[in-house]
């Protein structure tokens, strides 16, 4: 499996774990997982900012907003 495929698989698994935290309304734990995913290179800003319905209950949190500023900056400045 290529490194890119491994990274994609890793991030998909992390999002599944985060979504479970959100379903349980464990906001701090879910935000920690999101921050961890960002630290490991997950910068899919469109998904995190508005498309992921499982994030609806934390989009108003200051910690989430701060993370989204960093994610958006990385997303907009990404170079292949």
PDB file of N, CA and C in Angstrom:
ATOM      1  N   UNK A   1       0.861  -1.170   0.000  1.00  0.00           N
ATOM      2  CA  UNK A   1       0.000   0.000   0.000  1.00  0.00           C
ATOM      3  C   UNK A   1       0.910   1.236   0.000  1.00  0.00           C
ATOM      4  N   UNK A   2       0.600   2.183  -0.845  1.00  0.00           N
ATOM      5  CA  UNK A   2       1.417   3.392  -0.942  1.00  0.00           C
ATOM      6  C   UNK A   2       1.270   4.249   0.313  1.00  0.00           C
ATOM      7  N   UNK A   3       2.214   5.144   0.502  1.00  0.00           N
ATOM      8  CA  UNK A   3       2.161   6.046   1.651  1.00  0.00           C
ATOM      9  C   UNK A   3       0.910   6.912   1.599  1.00  0.00           C
ATOM     10  N   UNK A   4       0.557   7.400   0.417  1.00  0.00           N
ATOM     11  CA  UNK A   4      -0.642   8.223   0.282  1.00  0.00           C
ATOM     12  C   UNK A   4      -1.884   7.431   0.669  1.00  0.00           C
ATOM     13  N   UNK A   5      -1.986   6.203   0.216  1.00  0.00           N
ATOM     14  CA  UNK A   5      -3.134   5.363   0.566  1.00  0.00           C
ATOM     15  C   UNK A   5      -3.184   5.113   2.071  1.00  0.00           C
ATOM     16  N   UNK A   6      -2.031   4.924   2.694  1.00  0.00           N
ATOM     17  CA  UNK A   6      -1.984   4.723   4.139  1.00  0.00           C
ATOM     18  C   UNK A   6      -2.447   5.967   4.873  1.00  0.00           C
ATOM     19  N   UNK A   7      -2.034   7.137   4.410  1.00  0.00           N
ATOM     20  CA  UNK A   7      -2.457   8.389   5.040  1.00  0.00           C
ATOM     21  C   UNK A   7      -3.962   8.600   4.916  1.00  0.00           C
ATOM     22  N   UNK A   8      -4.501   8.322   3.748  1.00  0.00           N
ATOM     23  CA  UNK A   8      -5.942   8.475   3.537  1.00  0.00           C
ATOM     24  C   UNK A   8      -6.699   7.526   4.458  1.00  0.00           C
ATOM     25  N   UNK A   9      -6.262   6.283   4.536  1.00  0.00           N
ATOM     26  CA  UNK A   9      -6.901   5.304   5.412  1.00  0.00           C
ATOM     27  C   UNK A   9      -6.823   5.740   6.872  1.00  0.00           C
ATOM     28  N   UNK A  10      -5.662   6.237   7.291  1.00  0.00           N
ATOM     29  CA  UNK A  10      -5.488   6.717   8.660  1.00  0.00           C
ATOM     30  C   UNK A  10      -6.489   7.823   8.981  1.00  0.00           C
ATOM     31  N   UNK A  11      -6.610   8.799   8.092  1.00  0.00           N
ATOM     32  CA  UNK A  11      -7.491   9.928   8.349  1.00  0.00           C
ATOM     33  C   UNK A  11      -8.963   9.518   8.337  1.00  0.00           C
ATOM     34  N   UNK A  12      -9.325   8.588   7.475  1.00  0.00           N
ATOM     35  CA  UNK A  12     -10.705   8.101   7.473  1.00  0.00           C
ATOM     36  C   UNK A  12     -11.029   7.416   8.801  1.00  0.00           C
ATOM     37  N   UNK A  13     -10.087   6.640   9.305  1.00  0.00           N
ATOM     38  CA  UNK A  13     -10.304   5.965  10.591  1.00  0.00           C
ATOM     39  C   UNK A  13     -10.439   6.984  11.709  1.00  0.00           C
ATOM     40  N   UNK A  14      -9.606   8.011  11.711  1.00  0.00           N
ATOM     41  CA  UNK A  14      -9.678   9.042  12.746  1.00  0.00           C
ATOM     42  C   UNK A  14     -11.024   9.763  12.692  1.00  0.00           C
ATOM     43  N   UNK A  15     -11.521  10.047  11.501  1.00  0.00           N
ATOM     44  CA  UNK A  15     -12.816  10.719  11.391  1.00  0.00           C
ATOM     45  C   UNK A  15     -13.939   9.844  11.944  1.00  0.00           C
ATOM     46  N   UNK A  16     -13.839   8.535  11.743  1.00  0.00           N
ATOM     47  CA  UNK A  16     -14.840   7.631  12.309  1.00  0.00           C
ATOM     48  C   UNK A  16     -14.805   7.690  13.831  1.00  0.00           C
ATOM     49  N   UNK A  17     -13.596   7.715  14.395  1.00  0.00           N
ATOM     50  CA  UNK A  17     -13.464   7.784  15.848  1.00  0.00           C
ATOM     51  C   UNK A  17     -14.002   9.105  16.378  1.00  0.00           C
ATOM     52  N   UNK A  18     -13.681  10.186  15.680  1.00  0.00           N
ATOM     53  CA  UNK A  18     -14.164  11.506  16.084  1.00  0.00           C
ATOM     54  C   UNK A  18     -15.679  11.553  16.013  1.00  0.00           C
ATOM     55  N   UNK A  19     -16.256  10.986  14.960  1.00  0.00           N
ATOM     56  CA  UNK A  19     -17.712  11.035  14.827  1.00  0.00           C
ATOM     57  C   UNK A  19     -18.391  10.308  15.973  1.00  0.00           C
ATOM     58  N   UNK A  20     -17.792   9.247  16.482  1.00  0.00           N
ATOM     59  CA  UNK A  20     -18.367   8.555  17.632  1.00  0.00           C
ATOM     60  C   UNK A  20     -18.340   9.452  18.870  1.00  0.00           C
ATOM     61  N   UNK A  21     -17.253  10.191  19.040  1.00  0.00           N
ATOM     62  CA  UNK A  21     -17.166  11.112  20.175  1.00  0.00           C
ATOM     63  C   UNK A  21     -18.269  12.165  20.084  1.00  0.00           C
ATOM     64  N   UNK A  22     -18.527  12.652  18.878  1.00  0.00           N
ATOM     65  CA  UNK A  22     -19.567  13.660  18.698  1.00  0.00           C
ATOM     66  C   UNK A  22     -20.944  13.078  18.984  1.00  0.00           C
ATOM     67  N   UNK A  23     -21.158  11.857  18.542  1.00  0.00           N
ATOM     68  CA  UNK A  23     -22.444  11.223  18.793  1.00  0.00           C
ATOM     69  C   UNK A  23     -22.685  11.053  20.289  1.00  0.00           C
ATOM     70  N   UNK A  24     -21.613  10.856  21.025  1.00  0.00           N
ATOM     71  CA  UNK A  24     -21.712  10.725  22.473  1.00  0.00           C
ATOM     72  C   UNK A  24     -21.670  12.084  23.158  1.00  0.00           C
ATOM     73  N   UNK A  25     -21.549  13.140  22.375  1.00  0.00           N
ATOM     74  CA  UNK A  25     -21.497  14.525  22.852  1.00  0.00           C
ATOM     75  C   UNK A  25     -20.304  14.768  23.781  1.00  0.00           C
ATOM     76  N   UNK A  26     -19.204  14.073  23.529  1.00  0.00           N
ATOM     77  CA  UNK A  26     -17.968  14.266  24.288  1.00  0.00           C
ATOM     78  C   UNK A  26     -17.096  15.242  23.502  1.00  0.00           C
ATOM     79  N   UNK A  27     -17.413  16.507  23.654  1.00  0.00           N
ATOM     80  CA  UNK A  27     -16.803  17.542  22.818  1.00  0.00           C
ATOM     81  C   UNK A  27     -15.291  17.665  22.999  1.00  0.00           C
ATOM     82  N   UNK A  28     -14.815  17.653  24.226  1.00  0.00           N
ATOM     83  CA  UNK A  28     -13.375  17.809  24.446  1.00  0.00           C
ATOM     84  C   UNK A  28     -12.586  16.680  23.805  1.00  0.00           C
ATOM     85  N   UNK A  29     -13.066  15.466  23.974  1.00  0.00           N
ATOM     86  CA  UNK A  29     -12.381  14.312  23.384  1.00  0.00           C
ATOM     87  C   UNK A  29     -12.424  14.379  21.859  1.00  0.00           C
ATOM     88  N   UNK A  30     -13.558  14.745  21.310  1.00  0.00           N
ATOM     89  CA  UNK A  30     -13.698  14.854  19.859  1.00  0.00           C
ATOM     90  C   UNK A  30     -12.771  15.937  19.312  1.00  0.00           C
ATOM     91  N   UNK A  31     -12.698  17.067  19.999  1.00  0.00           N
ATOM     92  CA  UNK A  31     -11.812  18.140  19.558  1.00  0.00           C
ATOM     93  C   UNK A  31     -10.350  17.715  19.650  1.00  0.00           C
ATOM     94  N   UNK A  32     -10.013  16.944  20.637  1.00  0.00           N
ATOM     95  CA  UNK A  32      -8.639  16.428  20.745  1.00  0.00           C
ATOM     96  C   UNK A  32      -8.301  15.548  19.545  1.00  0.00           C
ATOM     97  N   UNK A  33      -9.250  14.700  19.139  1.00  0.00           N
ATOM     98  CA  UNK A  33      -9.028  13.856  17.966  1.00  0.00           C
ATOM     99  C   UNK A  33      -8.880  14.698  16.702  1.00  0.00           C
ATOM    100  N   UNK A  34      -9.701  15.725  16.559  1.00  0.00           N
ATOM    101  CA  UNK A  34      -9.582  16.599  15.392  1.00  0.00           C
ATOM    102  C   UNK A  34      -8.234  17.307  15.368  1.00  0.00           C
ATOM    103  N   UNK A  35      -7.810  17.788  16.506  1.00  0.00           N
ATOM    104  CA  UNK A  35      -6.501  18.443  16.586  1.00  0.00           C
ATOM    105  C   UNK A  35      -5.385  17.464  16.245  1.00  0.00           C
ATOM    106  N   UNK A  36      -5.528  16.227  16.696  1.00  0.00           N
ATOM    107  CA  UNK A  36      -4.555  15.191  16.380  1.00  0.00           C
ATOM    108  C   UNK A  36      -4.524  14.925  14.872  1.00  0.00           C
ATOM    109  N   UNK A  37      -5.690  14.846  14.257  1.00  0.00           N
ATOM    110  CA  UNK A  37      -5.756  14.623  12.808  1.00  0.00           C
ATOM    111  C   UNK A  37      -5.097  15.783  12.062  1.00  0.00           C
ATOM    112  N   UNK A  38      -5.345  17.007  12.506  1.00  0.00           N
ATOM    113  CA  UNK A  38      -4.715  18.176  11.893  1.00  0.00           C
ATOM    114  C   UNK A  38      -3.195  18.102  12.050  1.00  0.00           C
ATOM    115  N   UNK A  39      -2.730  17.774  13.244  1.00  0.00           N
ATOM    116  CA  UNK A  39      -1.288  17.667  13.493  1.00  0.00           C
ATOM    117  C   UNK A  39      -0.630  16.630  12.604  1.00  0.00           C
ATOM    118  N   UNK A  40      -1.414  15.650  12.159  1.00  0.00           N
ATOM    119  CA  UNK A  40      -0.886  14.596  11.285  1.00  0.00           C
ATOM    120  C   UNK A  40      -1.151  14.865   9.812  1.00  0.00           C
ATOM    121  N   UNK A  41      -1.659  16.073   9.500  1.00  0.00           N
ATOM    122  CA  UNK A  41      -1.779  16.462   8.107  1.00  0.00           C
ATOM    123  C   UNK A  41      -3.174  16.503   7.517  1.00  0.00           C
ATOM    124  N   UNK A  42      -4.200  16.251   8.321  1.00  0.00           N
ATOM    125  CA  UNK A  42      -5.559  16.284   7.777  1.00  0.00           C
ATOM    126  C   UNK A  42      -6.029  17.728   7.703  1.00  0.00           C
ATOM    127  N   UNK A  43      -6.142  18.248   6.477  1.00  0.00           N
ATOM    128  CA  UNK A  43      -6.492  19.662   6.291  1.00  0.00           C
ATOM    129  C   UNK A  43      -7.674  19.828   5.335  1.00  0.00           C
ATOM    130  N   UNK A  44      -8.594  18.896   5.338  1.00  0.00           N
ATOM    131  CA  UNK A  44      -9.754  18.994   4.445  1.00  0.00           C
ATOM    132  C   UNK A  44     -10.736  20.015   5.014  1.00  0.00           C
ATOM    133  N   UNK A  45     -10.427  21.276   4.784  1.00  0.00           N
ATOM    134  CA  UNK A  45     -11.222  22.367   5.343  1.00  0.00           C
ATOM    135  C   UNK A  45     -12.691  22.341   4.918  1.00  0.00           C
ATOM    136  N   UNK A  46     -13.016  22.129   3.628  1.00  0.00           N
ATOM    137  CA  UNK A  46     -14.440  22.117   3.253  1.00  0.00           C
ATOM    138  C   UNK A  46     -15.243  21.069   4.031  1.00  0.00           C
ATOM    139  N   UNK A  47     -14.667  19.900   4.221  1.00  0.00           N
ATOM    140  CA  UNK A  47     -15.360  18.846   4.961  1.00  0.00           C
ATOM    141  C   UNK A  47     -15.571  19.257   6.417  1.00  0.00           C
ATOM    142  N   UNK A  48     -14.523  19.731   7.038  1.00  0.00           N
ATOM    143  CA  UNK A  48     -14.612  20.082   8.452  1.00  0.00           C
ATOM    144  C   UNK A  48     -15.436  21.340   8.701  1.00  0.00           C
ATOM    145  N   UNK A  49     -15.319  22.317   7.822  1.00  0.00           N
ATOM    146  CA  UNK A  49     -15.977  23.610   8.049  1.00  0.00           C
ATOM    147  C   UNK A  49     -17.486  23.558   7.857  1.00  0.00           C
ATOM    148  N   UNK A  50     -17.953  22.733   6.916  1.00  0.00           N
ATOM    149  CA  UNK A  50     -19.395  22.795   6.663  1.00  0.00           C
ATOM    150  C   UNK A  50     -20.049  21.497   6.224  1.00  0.00           C
ATOM    151  N   UNK A  51     -19.307  20.565   5.683  1.00  0.00           N
ATOM    152  CA  UNK A  51     -19.940  19.388   5.095  1.00  0.00           C
ATOM    153  C   UNK A  51     -20.160  18.233   6.058  1.00  0.00           C
ATOM    154  N   UNK A  52     -19.333  18.122   7.071  1.00  0.00           N
ATOM    155  CA  UNK A  52     -19.468  16.999   7.996  1.00  0.00           C
ATOM    156  C   UNK A  52     -20.588  17.240   8.991  1.00  0.00           C
ATOM    157  N   UNK A  53     -21.742  16.573   8.833  1.00  0.00           N
ATOM    158  CA  UNK A  53     -22.880  16.821   9.726  1.00  0.00           C
ATOM    159  C   UNK A  53     -22.601  16.422  11.169  1.00  0.00           C
ATOM    160  N   UNK A  54     -21.673  15.504  11.389  1.00  0.00           N
ATOM    161  CA  UNK A  54     -21.370  15.066  12.744  1.00  0.00           C
ATOM    162  C   UNK A  54     -20.628  16.127  13.548  1.00  0.00           C
ATOM    163  N   UNK A  55     -20.215  17.211  12.895  1.00  0.00           N
ATOM    164  CA  UNK A  55     -19.499  18.286  13.585  1.00  0.00           C
ATOM    165  C   UNK A  55     -20.415  19.428  14.006  1.00  0.00           C
ATOM    166  N   UNK A  56     -21.684  19.336  13.680  1.00  0.00           N
ATOM    167  CA  UNK A  56     -22.617  20.445  13.914  1.00  0.00           C
ATOM    168  C   UNK A  56     -22.650  20.903  15.369  1.00  0.00           C
ATOM    169  N   UNK A  57     -22.523  19.970  16.302  1.00  0.00           N
ATOM    170  CA  UNK A  57     -22.658  20.353  17.709  1.00  0.00           C
ATOM    171  C   UNK A  57     -21.423  21.038  18.284  1.00  0.00           C
ATOM    172  N   UNK A  58     -20.335  21.139  17.518  1.00  0.00           N
ATOM    173  CA  UNK A  58     -19.157  21.840  18.045  1.00  0.00           C
ATOM    174  C   UNK A  58     -18.688  22.996  17.167  1.00  0.00           C
ATOM    175  N   UNK A  59     -19.347  23.223  16.058  1.00  0.00           N
ATOM    176  CA  UNK A  59     -18.893  24.304  15.180  1.00  0.00           C
ATOM    177  C   UNK A  59     -18.896  25.669  15.876  1.00  0.00           C
ATOM    178  N   UNK A  60     -19.694  25.844  16.891  1.00  0.00           N
ATOM    179  CA  UNK A  60     -19.739  27.101  17.624  1.00  0.00           C
ATOM    180  C   UNK A  60     -18.700  27.205  18.739  1.00  0.00           C
ATOM    181  N   UNK A  61     -17.984  26.117  19.021  1.00  0.00           N
ATOM    182  CA  UNK A  61     -16.979  26.100  20.084  1.00  0.00           C
ATOM    183  C   UNK A  61     -15.749  26.913  19.674  1.00  0.00           C
ATOM    184  N   UNK A  62     -15.205  27.697  20.609  1.00  0.00           N
ATOM    185  CA  UNK A  62     -14.018  28.506  20.324  1.00  0.00           C
ATOM    186  C   UNK A  62     -12.832  27.653  19.895  1.00  0.00           C
ATOM    187  N   UNK A  63     -12.663  26.530  20.528  1.00  0.00           N
ATOM    188  CA  UNK A  63     -11.554  25.624  20.191  1.00  0.00           C
ATOM    189  C   UNK A  63     -11.672  25.123  18.747  1.00  0.00           C
ATOM    190  N   UNK A  64     -12.880  24.813  18.326  1.00  0.00           N
ATOM    191  CA  UNK A  64     -13.112  24.378  16.942  1.00  0.00           C
ATOM    192  C   UNK A  64     -12.819  25.518  15.975  1.00  0.00           C
ATOM    193  N   UNK A  65     -13.311  26.705  16.296  1.00  0.00           N
ATOM    194  CA  UNK A  65     -13.087  27.862  15.423  1.00  0.00           C
ATOM    195  C   UNK A  65     -11.595  28.161  15.270  1.00  0.00           C
ATOM    196  N   UNK A  66     -10.849  28.076  16.349  1.00  0.00           N
ATOM    197  CA  UNK A  66      -9.404  28.307  16.285  1.00  0.00           C
ATOM    198  C   UNK A  66      -8.718  27.267  15.401  1.00  0.00           C
ATOM    199  N   UNK A  67      -9.146  26.025  15.540  1.00  0.00           N
ATOM    200  CA  UNK A  67      -8.590  24.966  14.709  1.00  0.00           C
ATOM    201  C   UNK A  67      -8.920  25.208  13.242  1.00  0.00           C
ATOM    202  N   UNK A  68     -10.140  25.646  12.948  1.00  0.00           N
ATOM    203  CA  UNK A  68     -10.539  25.876  11.569  1.00  0.00           C
ATOM    204  C   UNK A  68      -9.741  27.015  10.915  1.00  0.00           C
ATOM    205  N   UNK A  69      -9.310  27.990  11.691  1.00  0.00           N
ATOM    206  CA  UNK A  69      -8.458  29.053  11.148  1.00  0.00           C
ATOM    207  C   UNK A  69      -7.160  28.434  10.629  1.00  0.00           C
ATOM    208  N   UNK A  70      -6.572  27.537  11.415  1.00  0.00           N
ATOM    209  CA  UNK A  70      -5.325  26.882  11.000  1.00  0.00           C
ATOM    210  C   UNK A  70      -5.555  25.957   9.817  1.00  0.00           C
ATOM    211  N   UNK A  71      -6.641  25.175   9.873  1.00  0.00           N
ATOM    212  CA  UNK A  71      -6.945  24.234   8.786  1.00  0.00           C
ATOM    213  C   UNK A  71      -7.178  24.988   7.477  1.00  0.00           C
ATOM    214  N   UNK A  72      -7.951  26.066   7.540  1.00  0.00           N
ATOM    215  CA  UNK A  72      -8.241  26.836   6.331  1.00  0.00           C
ATOM    216  C   UNK A  72      -6.969  27.425   5.734  1.00  0.00           C
ATOM    217  N   UNK A  73      -6.095  27.946   6.580  1.00  0.00           N
ATOM    218  CA  UNK A  73      -4.833  28.506   6.103  1.00  0.00           C
ATOM    219  C   UNK A  73      -4.002  27.443   5.394  1.00  0.00           C
ATOM    220  N   UNK A  74      -3.895  26.268   5.998  1.00  0.00           N
ATOM    221  CA  UNK A  74      -3.155  25.158   5.365  1.00  0.00           C
ATOM    222  C   UNK A  74      -3.803  24.751   4.042  1.00  0.00           C
ATOM    223  N   UNK A  75      -5.144  24.658   4.032  1.00  0.00           N
ATOM    224  CA  UNK A  75      -5.887  24.255   2.843  1.00  0.00           C
ATOM    225  C   UNK A  75      -5.653  25.245   1.697  1.00  0.00           C
ATOM    226  N   UNK A  76      -5.762  26.522   2.010  1.00  0.00           N
ATOM    227  CA  UNK A  76      -5.639  27.546   0.974  1.00  0.00           C
ATOM    228  C   UNK A  76      -4.212  27.712   0.471  1.00  0.00           C
ATOM    229  N   UNK A  77      -3.226  27.313   1.265  1.00  0.00           N
ATOM    230  CA  UNK A  77      -1.826  27.471   0.883  1.00  0.00           C
ATOM    231  C   UNK A  77      -1.159  26.150   0.513  1.00  0.00           C
ATOM    232  N   UNK A  78      -1.962  25.116   0.340  1.00  0.00           N
ATOM    233  CA  UNK A  78      -1.416  23.795  -0.011  1.00  0.00           C
ATOM    234  C   UNK A  78      -0.847  23.814  -1.420  1.00  0.00           C
ATOM    235  N   UNK A  79       0.343  23.265  -1.551  1.00  0.00           N
ATOM    236  CA  UNK A  79       0.974  23.131  -2.870  1.00  0.00           C
ATOM    237  C   UNK A  79       1.280  21.678  -3.107  1.00  0.00           C
ATOM    238  N   UNK A  80       0.919  21.211  -4.288  1.00  0.00           N
ATOM    239  CA  UNK A  80       1.206  19.809  -4.627  1.00  0.00           C
ATOM    240  C   UNK A  80       2.632  19.657  -5.057  1.00  0.00           C
TER     241      UNK A  80
END
